[in-house]
Protein backbone atom coordinates (compact mmCIF):
# COMPACT_ATOMS: atom_id res chain seq x y z
CA UNK A 1 138.32 119.44 44.35
CA UNK A 2 135.58 120.38 46.82
CA UNK A 3 132.79 117.84 46.30
CA UNK A 4 132.78 114.36 44.75
CA UNK A 5 130.06 111.80 44.18
CA UNK A 6 131.17 108.18 43.92
CA UNK A 7 128.88 105.30 42.95
CA UNK A 8 129.63 101.78 44.10
CA UNK A 9 131.52 103.16 47.09
CA UNK A 10 130.80 100.42 49.61
CA UNK A 11 133.77 98.21 48.71
CA UNK A 12 136.87 97.82 46.57
CA UNK A 13 138.01 100.70 44.41
CA UNK A 14 134.96 102.86 45.15
CA UNK A 15 135.51 102.54 48.89
CA UNK A 16 139.19 103.31 48.42
CA UNK A 17 138.32 106.51 46.56
CA UNK A 18 135.75 107.53 49.18
CA UNK A 19 138.21 107.01 52.02
CA UNK A 20 141.09 108.81 50.31
CA UNK A 21 139.01 111.81 49.22
CA UNK A 22 137.60 112.14 52.74
CA UNK A 23 141.07 112.03 54.24
CA UNK A 24 142.03 114.83 51.85
CA UNK A 25 139.23 117.04 53.17
CA UNK A 26 136.95 116.69 50.15
CA UNK A 27 133.19 116.54 50.76
CA UNK A 28 132.10 113.05 49.68
CA UNK A 29 128.74 111.70 48.58
CA UNK A 30 129.24 107.93 48.65
CA UNK A 31 126.57 105.67 47.19
CA UNK A 32 125.85 101.99 47.64
CA UNK A 33 123.18 99.54 46.51
CA UNK A 34 122.79 98.16 50.02
CA UNK A 35 123.24 100.46 52.99
CA UNK A 36 124.08 98.88 56.33
CA UNK A 37 124.30 101.14 59.37
CA UNK A 38 127.37 99.22 60.53
CA UNK A 39 129.28 99.23 57.25
CA UNK A 40 132.54 101.01 56.43
CA UNK A 41 130.79 103.92 54.72
CA UNK A 42 128.93 104.81 57.91
CA UNK A 43 132.14 104.54 59.89
CA UNK A 44 133.70 107.02 57.47
CA UNK A 45 130.66 109.29 57.87
CA UNK A 46 131.16 109.24 61.65
CA UNK A 47 134.87 109.98 61.22
CA UNK A 48 134.19 112.94 58.90
CA UNK A 49 131.01 114.60 60.22
CA UNK A 50 129.39 117.05 57.85
CA UNK A 51 131.70 116.09 54.98
CA UNK A 52 130.71 112.48 54.23
CA UNK A 53 127.19 111.53 53.16
CA UNK A 54 125.98 108.00 52.42
CA UNK A 55 123.26 107.71 49.77
CA UNK A 56 121.37 104.79 48.25
CA UNK A 57 121.93 104.11 44.55
CA UNK A 58 121.31 100.92 42.56
CA UNK A 59 122.77 101.03 39.05
CA UNK A 60 120.25 98.40 37.94
CA UNK A 61 117.29 100.57 38.96
CA UNK A 62 116.15 102.96 36.18
CA UNK A 63 114.60 105.27 38.80
CA UNK A 64 117.84 105.59 40.79
CA UNK A 65 119.34 108.61 38.95
CA UNK A 66 116.25 110.73 39.60
CA UNK A 67 116.24 109.68 43.26
CA UNK A 68 119.88 110.64 43.60
CA UNK A 69 119.20 113.99 41.95
CA UNK A 70 116.39 114.62 44.42
CA UNK A 71 118.70 113.84 47.34
CA UNK A 72 121.41 116.21 46.04
CA UNK A 73 119.15 119.09 45.06
CA UNK A 74 121.33 121.81 43.51
CA UNK A 75 124.55 120.82 45.28
CA UNK A 76 127.53 121.45 42.96
CA UNK A 77 129.49 118.28 42.13
CA UNK A 78 133.11 118.83 41.09
CA UNK A 79 133.64 115.17 40.21
CA UNK A 80 131.11 112.51 39.34
CA UNK A 81 132.96 109.19 39.52
CA UNK A 82 130.68 106.53 38.03
CA UNK A 83 132.38 103.51 39.55
CA UNK A 84 129.51 101.05 40.13
CA UNK A 85 129.63 98.06 37.83
CA UNK A 86 129.38 94.30 37.44
CA UNK A 87 131.35 91.50 35.75
CA UNK A 88 128.44 89.38 34.55
CA UNK A 89 128.26 85.61 34.21
CA UNK A 90 131.37 83.45 34.24
CA UNK A 91 130.61 81.77 30.88
CA UNK A 92 131.65 84.42 28.36
CA UNK A 93 133.59 82.36 25.82
CA UNK A 94 132.67 81.95 22.15
CA UNK A 95 129.90 79.41 21.90
CA UNK A 96 128.60 80.20 25.38
CA UNK A 97 127.28 83.74 25.04
CA UNK A 98 124.22 84.65 27.10
CA UNK A 99 122.30 87.34 25.22
CA UNK A 100 120.25 88.40 28.24
CA UNK A 101 123.45 88.53 30.29
CA UNK A 102 125.08 90.83 27.73
CA UNK A 103 122.09 93.17 27.72
CA UNK A 104 121.88 93.25 31.53
CA UNK A 105 125.58 94.06 31.78
CA UNK A 106 125.32 96.85 29.21
CA UNK A 107 122.43 98.33 31.20
CA UNK A 108 124.47 98.27 34.41
CA UNK A 109 127.93 99.16 33.13
CA UNK A 110 127.07 101.61 30.34
CA UNK A 111 123.49 102.88 30.32
CA UNK A 112 123.37 103.43 34.09
CA UNK A 113 126.29 105.88 34.11
CA UNK A 114 124.86 107.62 31.04
CA UNK A 115 121.50 108.15 32.77
CA UNK A 116 123.31 109.28 35.91
CA UNK A 117 125.17 111.98 33.98
CA UNK A 118 121.89 113.06 32.38
CA UNK A 119 120.31 113.42 35.82
CA UNK A 120 123.24 115.25 37.44
CA UNK A 121 124.68 117.34 34.62
CA UNK A 122 123.27 120.55 36.15
CA UNK A 123 125.03 119.80 39.44
CA UNK A 124 128.26 119.17 37.56
CA UNK A 125 128.04 122.43 35.60
CA UNK A 126 127.49 124.37 38.86
CA UNK A 127 130.91 123.26 40.16
CA UNK A 128 134.39 124.65 39.59
CA UNK A 129 135.97 121.45 38.20
CA UNK A 130 133.09 120.11 36.05
CA UNK A 131 134.57 116.63 35.79
CA UNK A 132 133.01 113.26 34.91
CA UNK A 133 135.00 110.03 35.18
CA UNK A 134 133.53 106.74 33.98
CA UNK A 135 135.21 103.66 35.44
CA UNK A 136 135.81 101.51 32.40
CA UNK A 137 138.40 98.79 31.72
CA UNK A 138 141.21 97.97 29.35
CA UNK A 139 138.95 95.03 28.44
CA UNK A 140 136.85 97.56 26.54
CA UNK A 141 139.72 98.67 24.33
CA UNK A 142 139.30 97.50 20.73
CA UNK A 143 142.84 98.56 19.83
CA UNK A 144 144.25 96.80 22.88
CA UNK A 145 142.37 93.51 22.51
CA UNK A 146 144.92 90.79 21.76
CA UNK A 147 143.39 87.85 23.65
CA UNK A 148 139.66 87.62 22.77
CA UNK A 149 137.13 86.05 25.12
CA UNK A 150 135.07 87.72 27.88
CA UNK A 151 132.45 88.80 25.37
CA UNK A 152 129.81 90.03 27.81
CA UNK A 153 132.15 92.16 29.89
CA UNK A 154 134.09 93.51 26.89
CA UNK A 155 130.90 94.57 25.11
CA UNK A 156 129.67 96.48 28.16
CA UNK A 157 132.99 98.31 28.51
CA UNK A 158 133.19 99.14 24.79
CA UNK A 159 129.74 100.68 25.26
CA UNK A 160 130.80 102.79 28.25
CA UNK A 161 133.87 103.96 26.34
CA UNK A 162 131.69 105.18 23.47
CA UNK A 163 129.42 106.90 25.99
CA UNK A 164 132.43 108.65 27.51
CA UNK A 165 133.55 109.90 24.10
CA UNK A 166 130.04 110.99 23.16
CA UNK A 167 129.50 112.82 26.46
CA UNK A 168 132.86 114.53 26.01
CA UNK A 169 131.66 115.96 22.69
CA UNK A 170 128.17 116.86 23.89
CA UNK A 171 129.20 118.48 27.18
CA UNK A 172 132.36 120.30 26.07
CA UNK A 173 130.40 123.46 25.23
CA UNK A 174 129.24 123.51 28.88
CA UNK A 175 132.81 123.31 30.14
CA UNK A 176 132.58 119.68 31.30
CA UNK A 177 135.53 117.30 30.99
CA UNK A 178 134.73 113.59 30.56
CA UNK A 179 137.30 110.79 30.81
CA UNK A 180 137.19 106.99 30.77
CA UNK A 181 139.42 105.20 33.26
CA UNK A 182 141.05 101.80 33.61
CA UNK A 183 141.77 101.04 37.28
CA UNK A 184 144.32 98.35 36.55
CA UNK A 185 143.94 94.72 37.57
CA UNK A 186 143.18 95.29 41.24
CA UNK A 187 143.02 92.89 44.17
CA UNK A 188 139.32 93.22 45.02
CA UNK A 189 136.37 90.84 45.16
CA UNK A 190 135.82 91.58 41.46
CA UNK A 191 139.48 91.44 40.42
CA UNK A 192 140.47 88.47 42.58
CA UNK A 193 143.50 87.94 44.77
CA UNK A 194 145.72 87.09 41.79
CA UNK A 195 145.57 90.68 40.52
CA UNK A 196 148.83 92.61 40.30
CA UNK A 197 148.09 95.85 42.20
CA UNK A 198 146.27 96.78 45.40
CA UNK A 199 143.38 99.19 45.84
CA UNK A 200 145.59 101.93 47.30
CA UNK A 201 147.87 101.95 44.24
CA UNK A 202 144.97 102.14 41.81
CA UNK A 203 143.14 104.85 43.76
CA UNK A 204 146.24 107.00 44.31
CA UNK A 205 147.07 106.88 40.61
CA UNK A 206 143.55 107.70 39.50
CA UNK A 207 143.22 110.58 41.93
CA UNK A 208 146.52 112.04 40.79
CA UNK A 209 145.16 112.04 37.24
CA UNK A 210 141.77 113.45 38.28
CA UNK A 211 143.41 116.24 40.30
CA UNK A 212 144.90 117.67 37.09
CA UNK A 213 142.27 116.63 34.54
CA UNK A 214 140.86 119.44 32.42
CA UNK A 215 139.83 120.26 28.85
CA UNK A 216 143.04 118.80 27.41
CA UNK A 217 142.00 115.40 28.83
CA UNK A 218 138.45 115.55 27.48
CA UNK A 219 137.26 112.46 25.61
CA UNK A 220 140.34 110.37 26.37
CA UNK A 221 140.94 106.97 28.00
CA UNK A 222 143.54 106.60 30.77
CA UNK A 223 145.22 103.86 32.74
CA UNK A 224 145.44 104.30 36.52
CA UNK A 225 149.07 105.42 36.15
CA UNK A 226 148.09 108.31 33.85
CA UNK A 227 149.17 106.74 30.56
CA UNK A 228 146.70 107.01 27.70
CA UNK A 229 145.05 103.84 26.36
CA UNK A 230 143.84 103.11 22.81
CA UNK A 231 140.10 103.04 22.21
């Protein structure tokens, strides 16, 4: 792995990936919706001069993929890790479904990564690894749904899982491998402090999987520990 691009890299799992890849000597393009000159991403850029670039990217902005493409030019991208996402409103139980909330979440969690792949597919095909990873969730597994609830979030993650499978089919002739990932229930601002694993455990497991991912993994859905999940 020579070059990775990570969206939503300013905190949580995305930041953990950016830090670990940088420590491994990989060139990192780390994106964030809000860029603060004093934030952790800029500290990482100072610690890894010439190998860590901070870029602006807002998954809710339909113009953002083209802007990111313009910033990258024809730089090869071995791994596009579409990690940026949102959880939506708290009221997601039956009888309290917010239609506009569902549609906004699908735009952010599913359509944004799709448009990002569209914009950067040339950069991906220029690389050696040609790898796309969409950060999904076990909450988007139809086969694994035994509890119900969380309609807005589940619908957005079902959508991103279908996008991952579709991209895997469409891009296979160009040598691109596409996987959907579940990071586990992670102790972050999104996951809460009651979650059962830390960021380092999730990131280490996902990177171990991504280091070996290839055509045999194409179009599949994996837990952070490398086990395959049902769609």
